[in-house]
Amino acid sequence: MSDEFPKHLYKHPGPYGLAQKSYAVLGVADAEEEKAGLAKGWSLTMEDAWAAGPLDHDKDGKKGGSKSPAPAEDLADLRAEYEKAHGKKPFNGWDADELKAKIAAKAEEAGK
């Protein structure tokens, strides 16, 4: 990462260029904005954006995304504990951390 700001980050595809060489541009004013842009899939150069392509979500140079995180072993137990505490089933998209936080919040609420 260069220390010269403001600067541009790039993503493929975009409205500029043609087909396989199209790109979008994002202006960043400081290192914090640059870090946030890179975390969202923007690249430092147009060449990097083209190499990554629109389907390289995990930036490994191949189409496709990263592997799903391994399910927590205690997810079924946490779902049962949530259901007991809240009287309803939890949202299936919640991971172990989210379930633990909601269970703890309910316990804290009950303790008041």
N, C-alpha and C. Protein backbone atom coordinates (compact mmCIF):
# COMPACT_ATOMS: atom_id res chain seq x y z
N MET A 1 0.83 -1.18 0.00
CA MET A 1 0.00 0.00 0.00
C MET A 1 0.88 1.25 0.00
N SER A 2 0.56 2.11 -0.90
CA SER A 2 1.31 3.36 -0.99
C SER A 2 0.83 4.33 0.07
N ASP A 3 1.73 5.21 0.51
CA ASP A 3 1.37 6.19 1.52
C ASP A 3 0.92 7.52 0.91
N GLU A 4 0.80 7.61 -0.41
CA GLU A 4 0.40 8.83 -1.07
C GLU A 4 -1.11 8.86 -1.25
N PHE A 5 -1.76 9.87 -0.68
CA PHE A 5 -3.21 10.00 -0.77
C PHE A 5 -3.53 11.40 -1.25
N PRO A 6 -4.64 11.62 -1.90
CA PRO A 6 -5.66 10.65 -2.29
C PRO A 6 -5.19 9.76 -3.44
N LYS A 7 -5.86 8.64 -3.60
CA LYS A 7 -5.54 7.73 -4.70
C LYS A 7 -6.78 6.94 -5.08
N HIS A 8 -6.63 6.07 -6.08
CA HIS A 8 -7.75 5.29 -6.58
C HIS A 8 -7.54 3.80 -6.30
N LEU A 9 -8.66 3.12 -6.11
CA LEU A 9 -8.70 1.66 -6.07
C LEU A 9 -9.56 1.22 -7.25
N TYR A 10 -9.41 -0.03 -7.68
CA TYR A 10 -10.09 -0.49 -8.88
C TYR A 10 -10.81 -1.82 -8.63
N LYS A 11 -11.88 -2.03 -9.43
CA LYS A 11 -12.63 -3.29 -9.36
C LYS A 11 -13.11 -3.63 -10.76
N HIS A 12 -13.14 -4.90 -11.09
CA HIS A 12 -13.65 -5.40 -12.37
C HIS A 12 -14.88 -6.22 -12.09
N PRO A 13 -15.96 -6.12 -12.84
CA PRO A 13 -16.18 -5.25 -13.98
C PRO A 13 -16.59 -3.85 -13.52
N GLY A 14 -16.69 -2.96 -14.47
CA GLY A 14 -17.09 -1.60 -14.17
C GLY A 14 -17.52 -0.86 -15.41
N PRO A 15 -17.86 0.39 -15.27
CA PRO A 15 -18.38 1.17 -16.40
C PRO A 15 -17.31 1.70 -17.37
N TYR A 16 -16.04 1.62 -16.99
CA TYR A 16 -14.97 2.15 -17.83
C TYR A 16 -14.25 1.01 -18.53
N GLY A 17 -13.73 1.27 -19.72
CA GLY A 17 -13.04 0.24 -20.48
C GLY A 17 -14.01 -0.59 -21.29
N LEU A 18 -13.57 -1.76 -21.75
CA LEU A 18 -14.40 -2.63 -22.57
C LEU A 18 -14.37 -4.06 -22.05
N ALA A 19 -15.51 -4.66 -21.96
CA ALA A 19 -15.69 -6.08 -21.62
C ALA A 19 -14.71 -6.61 -20.57
N GLN A 20 -13.77 -7.47 -21.01
CA GLN A 20 -12.85 -8.10 -20.07
C GLN A 20 -11.86 -7.12 -19.45
N LYS A 21 -11.76 -5.93 -19.99
CA LYS A 21 -10.85 -4.92 -19.46
C LYS A 21 -11.63 -3.74 -18.88
N SER A 22 -12.84 -3.99 -18.38
CA SER A 22 -13.60 -2.90 -17.77
C SER A 22 -13.23 -2.78 -16.30
N TYR A 23 -13.49 -1.61 -15.75
CA TYR A 23 -13.14 -1.39 -14.35
C TYR A 23 -13.99 -0.27 -13.75
N ALA A 24 -14.09 -0.30 -12.44
CA ALA A 24 -14.73 0.77 -11.67
C ALA A 24 -13.64 1.41 -10.83
N VAL A 25 -13.86 2.64 -10.45
CA VAL A 25 -12.85 3.39 -9.69
C VAL A 25 -13.46 3.86 -8.37
N LEU A 26 -12.67 3.75 -7.31
CA LEU A 26 -13.06 4.24 -5.99
C LEU A 26 -11.96 5.16 -5.48
N GLY A 27 -12.29 6.38 -5.17
CA GLY A 27 -11.32 7.31 -4.61
C GLY A 27 -11.21 7.13 -3.10
N VAL A 28 -9.99 7.08 -2.58
CA VAL A 28 -9.77 6.97 -1.13
C VAL A 28 -8.88 8.12 -0.68
N ALA A 29 -9.19 8.67 0.48
CA ALA A 29 -8.48 9.84 0.98
C ALA A 29 -7.39 9.53 1.98
N ASP A 30 -7.46 8.34 2.61
CA ASP A 30 -6.47 8.01 3.63
C ASP A 30 -6.32 6.50 3.75
N ALA A 31 -5.42 6.08 4.63
CA ALA A 31 -5.12 4.65 4.79
C ALA A 31 -6.32 3.87 5.31
N GLU A 32 -7.13 4.49 6.14
CA GLU A 32 -8.31 3.80 6.68
C GLU A 32 -9.31 3.49 5.57
N GLU A 33 -9.56 4.46 4.68
CA GLU A 33 -10.45 4.22 3.55
C GLU A 33 -9.87 3.19 2.60
N GLU A 34 -8.56 3.23 2.41
CA GLU A 34 -7.90 2.26 1.54
C GLU A 34 -8.07 0.85 2.11
N LYS A 35 -7.85 0.68 3.39
CA LYS A 35 -7.99 -0.64 4.03
C LYS A 35 -9.42 -1.15 3.90
N ALA A 36 -10.40 -0.26 4.11
CA ALA A 36 -11.81 -0.66 3.99
C ALA A 36 -12.13 -1.06 2.55
N GLY A 37 -11.62 -0.32 1.58
CA GLY A 37 -11.85 -0.65 0.18
C GLY A 37 -11.24 -1.98 -0.21
N LEU A 38 -10.02 -2.21 0.23
CA LEU A 38 -9.36 -3.49 -0.07
C LEU A 38 -10.11 -4.66 0.57
N ALA A 39 -10.66 -4.44 1.76
CA ALA A 39 -11.42 -5.50 2.43
C ALA A 39 -12.72 -5.82 1.68
N LYS A 40 -13.23 -4.84 0.92
CA LYS A 40 -14.46 -5.04 0.16
C LYS A 40 -14.19 -5.54 -1.26
N GLY A 41 -12.94 -5.88 -1.56
CA GLY A 41 -12.64 -6.48 -2.85
C GLY A 41 -12.06 -5.54 -3.89
N TRP A 42 -11.78 -4.31 -3.55
CA TRP A 42 -11.14 -3.38 -4.48
C TRP A 42 -9.66 -3.73 -4.56
N SER A 43 -9.03 -3.38 -5.69
CA SER A 43 -7.62 -3.67 -5.92
C SER A 43 -6.81 -2.39 -6.04
N LEU A 44 -5.50 -2.50 -5.81
CA LEU A 44 -4.62 -1.34 -5.89
C LEU A 44 -4.35 -0.90 -7.33
N THR A 45 -4.41 -1.83 -8.28
CA THR A 45 -4.16 -1.50 -9.68
C THR A 45 -5.25 -2.10 -10.56
N MET A 46 -5.40 -1.54 -11.77
CA MET A 46 -6.36 -2.10 -12.72
C MET A 46 -5.97 -3.53 -13.09
N GLU A 47 -4.68 -3.77 -13.23
CA GLU A 47 -4.21 -5.11 -13.60
C GLU A 47 -4.60 -6.14 -12.55
N ASP A 48 -4.48 -5.77 -11.28
CA ASP A 48 -4.89 -6.68 -10.20
C ASP A 48 -6.39 -6.93 -10.26
N ALA A 49 -7.16 -5.89 -10.55
CA ALA A 49 -8.61 -6.04 -10.64
C ALA A 49 -8.98 -6.97 -11.78
N TRP A 50 -8.33 -6.81 -12.94
CA TRP A 50 -8.61 -7.68 -14.08
C TRP A 50 -8.19 -9.11 -13.80
N ALA A 51 -7.08 -9.29 -13.13
CA ALA A 51 -6.60 -10.64 -12.81
C ALA A 51 -7.56 -11.35 -11.86
N ALA A 52 -8.07 -10.60 -10.89
CA ALA A 52 -8.99 -11.18 -9.92
C ALA A 52 -10.31 -11.52 -10.59
N GLY A 53 -10.77 -10.65 -11.47
CA GLY A 53 -12.03 -10.88 -12.16
C GLY A 53 -13.22 -10.73 -11.24
N PRO A 54 -14.40 -10.72 -11.83
CA PRO A 54 -15.60 -10.47 -11.04
C PRO A 54 -16.02 -11.65 -10.16
N LEU A 55 -15.51 -12.84 -10.45
CA LEU A 55 -15.94 -14.01 -9.70
C LEU A 55 -14.90 -14.54 -8.74
N ASP A 56 -13.81 -13.83 -8.57
CA ASP A 56 -12.77 -14.25 -7.63
C ASP A 56 -12.99 -13.54 -6.31
N HIS A 57 -13.93 -14.03 -5.54
CA HIS A 57 -14.35 -13.35 -4.32
C HIS A 57 -13.34 -13.44 -3.19
N ASP A 58 -12.51 -14.45 -3.20
CA ASP A 58 -11.54 -14.59 -2.11
C ASP A 58 -10.13 -14.22 -2.54
N LYS A 59 -9.99 -13.64 -3.74
CA LYS A 59 -8.70 -13.14 -4.25
C LYS A 59 -7.61 -14.20 -4.32
N ASP A 60 -8.00 -15.46 -4.66
CA ASP A 60 -6.99 -16.51 -4.78
C ASP A 60 -6.59 -16.76 -6.23
N GLY A 61 -7.09 -15.91 -7.17
CA GLY A 61 -6.77 -16.04 -8.58
C GLY A 61 -7.65 -17.02 -9.32
N LYS A 62 -8.65 -17.60 -8.66
CA LYS A 62 -9.56 -18.56 -9.29
C LYS A 62 -10.99 -18.09 -9.06
N LYS A 63 -11.86 -18.46 -9.98
CA LYS A 63 -13.27 -18.10 -9.82
C LYS A 63 -13.84 -18.81 -8.60
N GLY A 64 -14.76 -18.16 -7.95
CA GLY A 64 -15.42 -18.75 -6.78
C GLY A 64 -15.04 -18.05 -5.51
N GLY A 65 -15.71 -18.40 -4.47
CA GLY A 65 -15.48 -17.75 -3.19
C GLY A 65 -14.71 -18.61 -2.23
N SER A 66 -14.57 -18.10 -1.05
CA SER A 66 -13.86 -18.85 -0.02
C SER A 66 -14.77 -19.94 0.52
N LYS A 67 -14.18 -20.90 1.16
CA LYS A 67 -14.94 -21.99 1.75
C LYS A 67 -15.74 -21.48 2.94
N SER A 68 -16.88 -22.08 3.14
CA SER A 68 -17.70 -21.70 4.30
C SER A 68 -16.96 -22.06 5.57
N PRO A 69 -17.13 -21.26 6.61
CA PRO A 69 -16.48 -21.61 7.86
C PRO A 69 -17.03 -22.92 8.41
N ALA A 70 -16.18 -23.63 9.08
CA ALA A 70 -16.62 -24.89 9.67
C ALA A 70 -17.69 -24.61 10.71
N PRO A 71 -18.76 -25.39 10.73
CA PRO A 71 -19.81 -25.15 11.71
C PRO A 71 -19.30 -25.44 13.12
N ALA A 72 -19.77 -24.64 14.04
CA ALA A 72 -19.38 -24.86 15.43
C ALA A 72 -20.00 -26.17 15.91
N GLU A 73 -19.24 -26.94 16.64
CA GLU A 73 -19.74 -28.23 17.11
C GLU A 73 -20.94 -28.07 18.04
N ASP A 74 -20.97 -26.96 18.76
CA ASP A 74 -22.04 -26.77 19.74
C ASP A 74 -23.21 -25.97 19.19
N LEU A 75 -23.31 -25.81 17.87
CA LEU A 75 -24.37 -25.01 17.28
C LEU A 75 -25.76 -25.56 17.61
N ALA A 76 -25.93 -26.86 17.54
CA ALA A 76 -27.23 -27.47 17.87
C ALA A 76 -27.58 -27.21 19.34
N ASP A 77 -26.59 -27.33 20.23
CA ASP A 77 -26.83 -27.07 21.65
C ASP A 77 -27.17 -25.60 21.88
N LEU A 78 -26.47 -24.71 21.19
CA LEU A 78 -26.75 -23.28 21.35
C LEU A 78 -28.15 -22.94 20.83
N ARG A 79 -28.55 -23.55 19.73
CA ARG A 79 -29.90 -23.31 19.21
C ARG A 79 -30.96 -23.78 20.21
N ALA A 80 -30.73 -24.92 20.81
CA ALA A 80 -31.67 -25.43 21.82
C ALA A 80 -31.71 -24.51 23.03
N GLU A 81 -30.54 -24.02 23.45
CA GLU A 81 -30.46 -23.10 24.59
C GLU A 81 -31.16 -21.79 24.27
N TYR A 82 -30.99 -21.28 23.05
CA TYR A 82 -31.68 -20.06 22.63
C TYR A 82 -33.19 -20.27 22.67
N GLU A 83 -33.65 -21.40 22.13
CA GLU A 83 -35.09 -21.70 22.09
C GLU A 83 -35.66 -21.76 23.51
N LYS A 84 -34.91 -22.35 24.41
CA LYS A 84 -35.36 -22.43 25.81
C LYS A 84 -35.42 -21.04 26.44
N ALA A 85 -34.42 -20.21 26.18
CA ALA A 85 -34.37 -18.88 26.79
C ALA A 85 -35.39 -17.92 26.19
N HIS A 86 -35.60 -18.00 24.87
CA HIS A 86 -36.45 -17.04 24.18
C HIS A 86 -37.85 -17.55 23.87
N GLY A 87 -38.05 -18.85 23.97
CA GLY A 87 -39.37 -19.41 23.69
C GLY A 87 -39.68 -19.49 22.20
N LYS A 88 -38.68 -19.37 21.37
CA LYS A 88 -38.86 -19.49 19.93
C LYS A 88 -37.55 -19.97 19.30
N LYS A 89 -37.68 -20.50 18.09
CA LYS A 89 -36.49 -21.01 17.40
C LYS A 89 -35.64 -19.84 16.90
N PRO A 90 -34.32 -20.01 16.89
CA PRO A 90 -33.44 -18.96 16.39
C PRO A 90 -33.40 -18.94 14.86
N PHE A 91 -32.95 -17.83 14.31
CA PHE A 91 -32.72 -17.71 12.88
C PHE A 91 -31.58 -18.66 12.50
N ASN A 92 -31.78 -19.48 11.48
CA ASN A 92 -30.77 -20.47 11.08
C ASN A 92 -29.48 -19.86 10.56
N GLY A 93 -29.49 -18.60 10.16
CA GLY A 93 -28.28 -17.96 9.66
C GLY A 93 -27.34 -17.46 10.74
N TRP A 94 -27.78 -17.50 11.99
CA TRP A 94 -26.93 -17.03 13.08
C TRP A 94 -25.84 -18.05 13.39
N ASP A 95 -24.62 -17.57 13.57
CA ASP A 95 -23.52 -18.45 13.93
C ASP A 95 -23.44 -18.57 15.45
N ALA A 96 -22.47 -19.31 15.93
CA ALA A 96 -22.34 -19.58 17.36
C ALA A 96 -22.14 -18.28 18.15
N ASP A 97 -21.34 -17.36 17.64
CA ASP A 97 -21.10 -16.10 18.35
C ASP A 97 -22.38 -15.29 18.50
N GLU A 98 -23.18 -15.24 17.44
CA GLU A 98 -24.44 -14.49 17.46
C GLU A 98 -25.41 -15.12 18.48
N LEU A 99 -25.51 -16.44 18.45
CA LEU A 99 -26.39 -17.13 19.39
C LEU A 99 -25.95 -16.90 20.84
N LYS A 100 -24.64 -17.00 21.08
CA LYS A 100 -24.13 -16.77 22.44
C LYS A 100 -24.45 -15.36 22.92
N ALA A 101 -24.30 -14.38 22.03
CA ALA A 101 -24.57 -13.00 22.39
C ALA A 101 -26.04 -12.80 22.73
N LYS A 102 -26.93 -13.39 21.97
CA LYS A 102 -28.37 -13.24 22.20
C LYS A 102 -28.80 -13.98 23.46
N ILE A 103 -28.20 -15.11 23.72
CA ILE A 103 -28.51 -15.86 24.95
C ILE A 103 -28.02 -15.07 26.17
N ALA A 104 -26.81 -14.51 26.07
CA ALA A 104 -26.27 -13.71 27.18
C ALA A 104 -27.11 -12.46 27.42
N ALA A 105 -27.56 -11.81 26.34
CA ALA A 105 -28.40 -10.61 26.48
C ALA A 105 -29.71 -10.95 27.16
N LYS A 106 -30.29 -12.08 26.83
CA LYS A 106 -31.57 -12.51 27.45
C LYS A 106 -31.34 -12.82 28.92
N ALA A 107 -30.21 -13.47 29.25
CA ALA A 107 -29.91 -13.79 30.64
C ALA A 107 -29.70 -12.50 31.46
N GLU A 108 -29.02 -11.53 30.85
CA GLU A 108 -28.79 -10.26 31.52
C GLU A 108 -30.11 -9.52 31.74
N GLU A 109 -30.97 -9.58 30.73
CA GLU A 109 -32.28 -8.94 30.83
C GLU A 109 -33.12 -9.59 31.94
N ALA A 110 -33.05 -10.90 32.05
CA ALA A 110 -33.80 -11.62 33.07
C ALA A 110 -33.25 -11.34 34.47
N GLY A 111 -31.95 -11.04 34.56
CA GLY A 111 -31.31 -10.78 35.84
C GLY A 111 -31.63 -9.40 36.41
N LYS A 112 -32.15 -8.50 35.59
CA LYS A 112 -32.44 -7.13 36.06
C LYS A 112 -33.72 -7.06 36.80
